[in-house]
Protein backbone atom coordinates (compact mmCIF):
# COMPACT_ATOMS: atom_id res chain seq x y z
CA MET A 1 10.11 5.97 22.98
CA SER A 2 10.02 7.99 19.76
CA THR A 3 6.90 9.76 18.53
CA LEU A 4 4.74 8.52 15.68
CA SER A 5 2.50 10.15 13.09
CA VAL A 6 -0.11 8.00 11.35
CA VAL A 7 -1.06 9.16 7.84
CA ILE A 8 -4.28 7.89 6.27
CA VAL A 9 -5.36 8.81 2.75
CA SER A 10 -9.10 8.47 2.27
CA TYR A 11 -11.29 8.54 -0.82
CA ASN A 12 -14.95 7.65 -0.26
CA THR A 13 -14.15 5.21 2.55
CA ARG A 14 -16.26 6.74 5.33
CA GLU A 15 -17.34 3.60 7.16
CA ASP A 16 -13.95 1.91 6.82
CA LEU A 17 -12.29 5.12 7.99
CA ARG A 18 -14.58 5.31 11.01
CA LEU A 19 -13.53 1.82 12.12
CA CYS A 20 -9.87 2.64 11.47
CA LEU A 21 -9.92 5.85 13.53
CA SER A 22 -11.90 4.25 16.36
CA ALA A 23 -9.28 1.51 16.60
CA LEU A 24 -6.45 4.07 16.67
CA ARG A 25 -8.18 5.79 19.60
CA GLU A 26 -7.58 2.60 21.58
CA SER A 27 -3.87 2.50 20.80
CA ALA A 28 -1.53 1.89 23.71
CA LEU A 29 0.81 4.43 22.14
CA PRO A 30 -0.71 7.88 21.55
CA ALA A 31 0.02 9.06 18.05
CA GLU A 32 -0.59 12.05 15.84
CA VAL A 33 -3.24 10.98 13.32
CA ILE A 34 -3.52 12.78 9.97
CA VAL A 35 -6.27 12.10 7.45
CA VAL A 36 -5.84 13.41 3.91
CA ASP A 37 -9.26 13.38 2.25
CA ASN A 38 -9.05 13.22 -1.54
CA ALA A 39 -12.28 15.14 -2.25
CA SER A 40 -14.58 12.36 -1.05
CA THR A 41 -18.27 12.70 -1.85
CA ASP A 42 -19.55 10.29 0.81
CA GLY A 43 -19.20 12.57 3.84
CA SER A 44 -15.86 11.16 4.98
CA ALA A 45 -14.38 14.58 5.82
CA GLU A 46 -17.51 15.67 7.69
CA MET A 47 -17.46 12.45 9.70
CA VAL A 48 -13.85 13.09 10.75
CA ARG A 49 -14.60 16.68 11.75
CA ASP A 50 -17.72 15.75 13.73
CA HIS A 51 -16.55 12.62 15.51
CA TYR A 52 -12.74 12.72 15.64
CA PRO A 53 -11.73 16.29 16.54
CA GLU A 54 -8.29 15.09 17.66
CA VAL A 55 -7.47 14.05 14.09
CA ILE A 56 -5.68 16.49 11.77
CA LEU A 57 -7.84 16.66 8.65
CA ILE A 58 -6.30 17.88 5.41
CA GLU A 59 -8.52 18.54 2.40
CA PRO A 60 -6.54 19.34 -0.76
CA GLY A 61 -9.80 19.93 -2.64
CA HIS A 62 -9.03 17.40 -5.37
CA ASN A 63 -7.91 13.80 -5.71
CA THR A 64 -4.19 13.64 -5.03
CA TRP A 65 -4.28 9.83 -5.26
CA PHE A 66 -2.55 7.50 -2.85
CA CYS A 67 1.05 8.58 -3.32
CA GLY A 68 0.41 12.30 -3.54
CA GLY A 69 -1.94 12.23 -0.57
CA ASN A 70 0.53 10.37 1.60
CA ASN A 71 3.25 12.85 0.70
CA ILE A 72 0.96 15.68 1.80
CA GLY A 73 0.29 13.91 5.08
CA VAL A 74 3.93 13.12 5.78
CA ALA A 75 4.89 16.74 5.03
CA ALA A 76 2.40 17.87 7.69
CA ALA A 77 3.51 15.26 10.24
CA SER A 78 5.66 15.98 13.28
CA GLY A 79 6.52 12.49 14.57
CA ASP A 80 9.96 10.92 14.52
CA TYR A 81 8.38 8.10 12.53
CA ALA A 82 5.53 8.06 10.04
CA LEU A 83 3.14 5.17 9.48
CA LEU A 84 1.21 5.02 6.23
CA LEU A 85 -1.98 3.14 6.99
CA ASN A 86 -4.90 2.33 4.74
CA PRO A 87 -8.35 3.49 5.85
CA ASP A 88 -9.65 -0.09 5.50
CA THR A 89 -7.42 -1.35 8.33
CA ILE A 90 -8.15 -2.02 11.99
CA ALA A 91 -5.05 -1.92 14.19
CA PRO A 92 -5.01 -3.64 17.61
CA PRO A 93 -3.98 -1.53 20.63
CA ASP A 94 -0.36 -2.71 20.64
CA ALA A 95 0.29 -2.30 16.91
CA LEU A 96 1.74 1.23 16.96
CA SER A 97 3.99 0.64 19.96
CA THR A 98 5.33 -2.55 18.35
CA LEU A 99 6.33 -0.69 15.19
CA VAL A 100 7.96 2.19 17.04
CA GLU A 101 9.80 -0.08 19.46
CA PHE A 102 11.23 -2.08 16.57
CA LEU A 103 12.58 0.99 14.78
CA ASP A 104 13.89 2.45 18.03
CA THR A 105 15.90 -0.71 18.71
CA HIS A 106 16.91 -1.47 15.11
CA PRO A 107 18.46 1.68 13.60
CA ASP A 108 19.90 -0.40 10.75
CA TYR A 109 16.43 -1.14 9.33
CA ALA A 110 14.81 1.25 6.85
CA GLY A 111 11.26 0.28 7.73
CA VAL A 112 8.88 -2.22 9.24
CA THR A 113 5.40 -3.60 8.67
CA LEU A 114 2.97 -5.91 10.44
CA GLN A 115 1.13 -9.03 9.38
CA LEU A 116 -2.15 -8.23 7.65
CA ARG A 117 -5.20 -10.49 7.94
CA TYR A 118 -8.53 -10.60 6.17
CA PRO A 119 -11.63 -10.08 8.35
CA ASP A 120 -12.13 -13.88 8.36
CA GLY A 121 -8.67 -14.38 9.87
CA GLY A 122 -6.82 -15.49 6.76
CA ILE A 123 -3.26 -14.19 6.39
CA GLN A 124 -2.73 -11.87 3.45
CA ARG A 125 0.22 -12.46 1.13
CA THR A 126 2.11 -9.23 1.69
CA CYS A 127 5.82 -8.43 1.29
CA SER A 128 7.87 -9.49 -1.69
CA ARG A 129 11.07 -8.93 -3.54
CA ALA A 130 11.41 -5.80 -5.66
CA PRO A 131 9.90 -6.97 -8.97
CA ALA A 132 12.43 -7.96 -11.58
CA LEU A 133 11.60 -7.25 -15.21
CA ARG A 134 11.31 -10.99 -15.88
CA TYR A 135 8.71 -11.31 -13.14
CA LEU A 136 6.70 -8.39 -14.50
CA LEU A 137 6.73 -9.73 -18.05
CA LEU A 138 5.72 -13.23 -16.95
CA THR A 139 2.90 -12.09 -14.67
CA GLN A 140 1.52 -8.81 -16.03
CA THR A 141 1.38 -9.61 -19.76
CA ALA A 142 0.08 -12.22 -22.18
CA LEU A 143 3.15 -14.31 -21.32
CA ARG A 144 1.35 -15.43 -18.16
CA TRP A 145 -0.80 -17.66 -20.38
CA LEU A 146 1.90 -18.66 -22.84
CA LEU A 147 4.56 -19.57 -20.25
CA PRO A 148 2.73 -20.91 -17.16
CA GLY A 149 5.70 -22.89 -15.84
CA PRO A 150 8.19 -20.00 -15.82
CA ARG A 151 5.41 -17.74 -14.48
CA ARG A 152 4.82 -19.99 -11.47
CA HIS A 153 8.55 -20.16 -10.78
CA ALA A 154 8.89 -16.38 -10.99
CA GLU A 155 5.90 -15.90 -8.69
CA GLY A 156 7.32 -18.32 -6.13
CA SER A 157 10.63 -16.47 -5.98
CA HIS A 158 9.00 -13.03 -5.93
CA TRP A 159 6.60 -13.90 -3.10
CA TYR A 160 9.04 -15.91 -0.93
CA SER A 161 7.19 -19.19 -1.46
CA ASP A 162 9.11 -20.92 1.35
CA TRP A 163 7.72 -18.50 3.97
CA ASP A 164 4.16 -18.68 5.31
CA ARG A 165 4.13 -15.25 7.00
CA THR A 166 3.63 -16.65 10.48
CA ALA A 167 7.18 -15.67 11.52
CA ASP A 168 9.19 -12.45 11.41
CA TYR A 169 11.17 -12.06 8.18
CA ASP A 170 13.50 -9.68 6.37
CA VAL A 171 11.99 -8.61 3.03
CA GLU A 172 12.73 -6.25 0.18
CA ALA A 173 9.29 -4.63 -0.20
CA ILE A 174 6.63 -4.00 2.42
CA PRO A 175 2.98 -3.23 1.61
CA GLY A 176 1.87 0.35 1.01
CA SER A 177 -1.12 -0.31 3.26
CA CYS A 178 1.16 -0.48 6.33
CA VAL A 179 4.56 1.21 5.97
CA CYS A 180 6.40 2.54 9.01
CA MET A 181 9.65 4.42 8.45
CA ARG A 182 11.60 7.35 9.79
CA ARG A 183 9.62 10.38 8.72
CA ALA A 184 12.60 12.11 7.14
CA ASN A 185 13.08 9.15 4.79
CA LEU A 186 9.49 8.50 3.82
CA TRP A 187 8.16 9.95 0.61
CA LEU A 188 6.46 8.32 -2.35
CA ASP A 189 6.99 9.00 -6.03
CA ASP A 190 3.69 10.66 -6.91
CA SER A 191 4.12 9.88 -10.59
CA LEU A 192 2.86 6.51 -9.34
CA ARG A 193 -0.70 7.32 -8.37
CA LEU A 194 -2.00 4.15 -6.73
CA TYR A 195 0.24 1.17 -7.39
CA PHE A 196 3.85 -0.02 -7.24
CA ASN A 197 4.72 2.54 -4.56
CA GLU A 198 6.08 -0.16 -2.24
CA ASP A 199 8.17 -1.57 -5.08
CA ASP A 200 9.55 1.87 -5.84
CA LEU A 201 10.47 2.26 -2.16
CA ALA A 202 12.21 -1.11 -2.25
CA ARG A 203 14.26 0.00 -5.25
CA ARG A 204 15.17 3.34 -3.71
CA PHE A 205 16.23 1.67 -0.45
CA ALA A 206 17.97 -1.29 -2.07
CA GLY A 207 20.63 -2.56 0.29
CA HIS A 208 18.66 -1.47 3.35
CA LYS A 209 16.58 -3.92 5.35
CA PHE A 210 12.81 -3.97 5.82
CA ARG A 211 11.20 -6.17 8.46
CA PHE A 212 7.91 -8.04 8.53
CA LEU A 213 6.62 -8.64 12.06
CA ALA A 214 4.14 -11.50 12.42
CA ALA A 215 2.44 -10.08 15.50
CA PRO A 216 0.29 -8.27 16.30
CA ALA A 217 -1.82 -8.60 13.16
CA ILE A 218 -3.79 -5.78 11.54
CA ILE A 219 -7.16 -6.50 9.96
CA HIS A 220 -7.23 -5.31 6.36
CA ARG A 221 -10.26 -5.27 4.08
CA GLU A 222 -8.00 -5.45 1.06
CA LYS A 223 -8.97 -3.38 -1.98
CA SER A 224 -12.24 -2.20 -0.49
CA ALA A 225 -11.55 1.27 -1.93
CA THR A 226 -9.97 0.24 -5.25
CA ARG A 227 -12.46 -2.10 -6.89
CA SER A 228 -13.27 -0.09 -9.99
CA ALA A 229 -12.56 0.23 -13.69
CA THR A 230 -10.64 3.44 -13.00
CA ALA A 231 -8.35 1.67 -10.53
CA SER A 232 -7.71 -1.07 -13.08
CA ARG A 233 -6.70 1.50 -15.70
CA LEU A 234 -4.42 3.21 -13.21
CA TYR A 235 -2.83 -0.13 -12.37
CA PHE A 236 -1.53 -0.59 -15.91
CA SER A 237 -0.54 3.07 -16.16
CA ASP A 238 1.49 2.80 -12.94
CA LEU A 239 2.95 -0.49 -14.15
CA LEU A 240 4.36 1.27 -17.21
CA THR A 241 5.61 4.23 -15.16
CA TYR A 242 7.39 1.89 -12.75
CA THR A 243 8.87 -0.20 -15.55
CA ARG A 244 10.15 2.87 -17.39
CA LYS A 245 11.70 4.29 -14.24
CA TRP A 246 13.55 1.18 -13.10
CA HIS A 247 14.00 -0.89 -16.26
CA GLY A 248 14.21 1.73 -19.01
CA PRO A 249 12.09 2.97 -21.93
CA GLY A 250 12.74 -0.11 -24.06
CA ALA A 251 11.42 -2.39 -21.34
CA ALA A 252 8.41 -0.09 -20.88
CA ALA A 253 7.62 -0.28 -24.61
CA LEU A 254 7.81 -4.07 -24.49
CA MET A 255 5.63 -4.09 -21.37
CA TRP A 256 3.03 -1.90 -23.06
CA THR A 257 2.85 -4.17 -26.10
CA LEU A 258 2.65 -7.44 -24.18
CA SER A 259 0.29 -6.16 -21.46
CA ARG A 260 -2.40 -4.91 -23.87
CA PRO A 261 -4.36 -8.21 -24.06
CA LEU A 262 -4.53 -8.40 -20.26
CA ALA A 263 -5.41 -4.71 -19.85
CA TRP A 264 -8.09 -4.83 -22.55
CA GLY A 265 -9.56 -8.03 -21.16
CA ILE A 266 -9.94 -6.50 -17.70
CA ALA A 267 -11.44 -3.32 -19.18
CA LEU A 268 -14.02 -5.36 -21.11
CA ARG A 269 -14.88 -7.37 -18.03
CA TRP A 270 -15.58 -4.16 -16.11
CA ARG A 271 -17.61 -2.72 -18.97
CA PHE A 272 -19.82 -5.70 -19.64
CA GLY A 273 -19.98 -6.75 -16.02
CA ARG A 274 -21.41 -3.33 -15.14
CA ARG A 275 -23.98 -3.65 -17.92
CA ALA A 276 -25.01 -7.09 -16.67
CA THR A 277 -25.61 -5.78 -13.17
CA GLY A 278 -26.94 -2.34 -14.13
């Protein structure tokens, strides 16, 4: 069986990271584990050094964001395959071996992911098609309110509405929180700091297959590290970067104009919500 490197980018996720690394210690398949700490201030790096000496800890000294941090980790990795894994995940013992075995026996697939579940057992809606411009305009701009019927149709197509994620499935885009690929092929466009990295991968590997495996499931405390006003601002910035890259500058200009009401509304909600709870 081929070797695997697990890359985890952490930013102030100490307790989540502790659970993630403890679970990886129980893996049936030994793996090289690399943590890239993006200048955390909560003692994450110290916790890794003190309690997980087997883990390779990389400290760039500044925030390299999700995509940049994962590129640093993959560059330092030595496995045949690399698994990008969020720090707020808990993998069961057979998760890593399942991913590696699939890629070993399916050389025609570009990558593979596993089912993700919330801590309460609910299945997360991961994996999609690479977002078409129509989908982005109908869901990420003011058109979502003006054209609810077309928006629902676009969402159904984008998210494979006829599939409940309880069975294996070929998909175009797999979630950035659990991406396993051949190490030589895996790099993220670091002009996208936090978001749309899986969609960019889907575009770059268009014509190649990605596989969703329904079992075993990984527990994922979704967005536990990205609930902030800064993350919301980066979301719209990455949206424009992605749109410009794959749909052109004209589409990006249209996206900027039509997304402003949504972006401003979210910014105001963060601002006044913080005041209300401060």
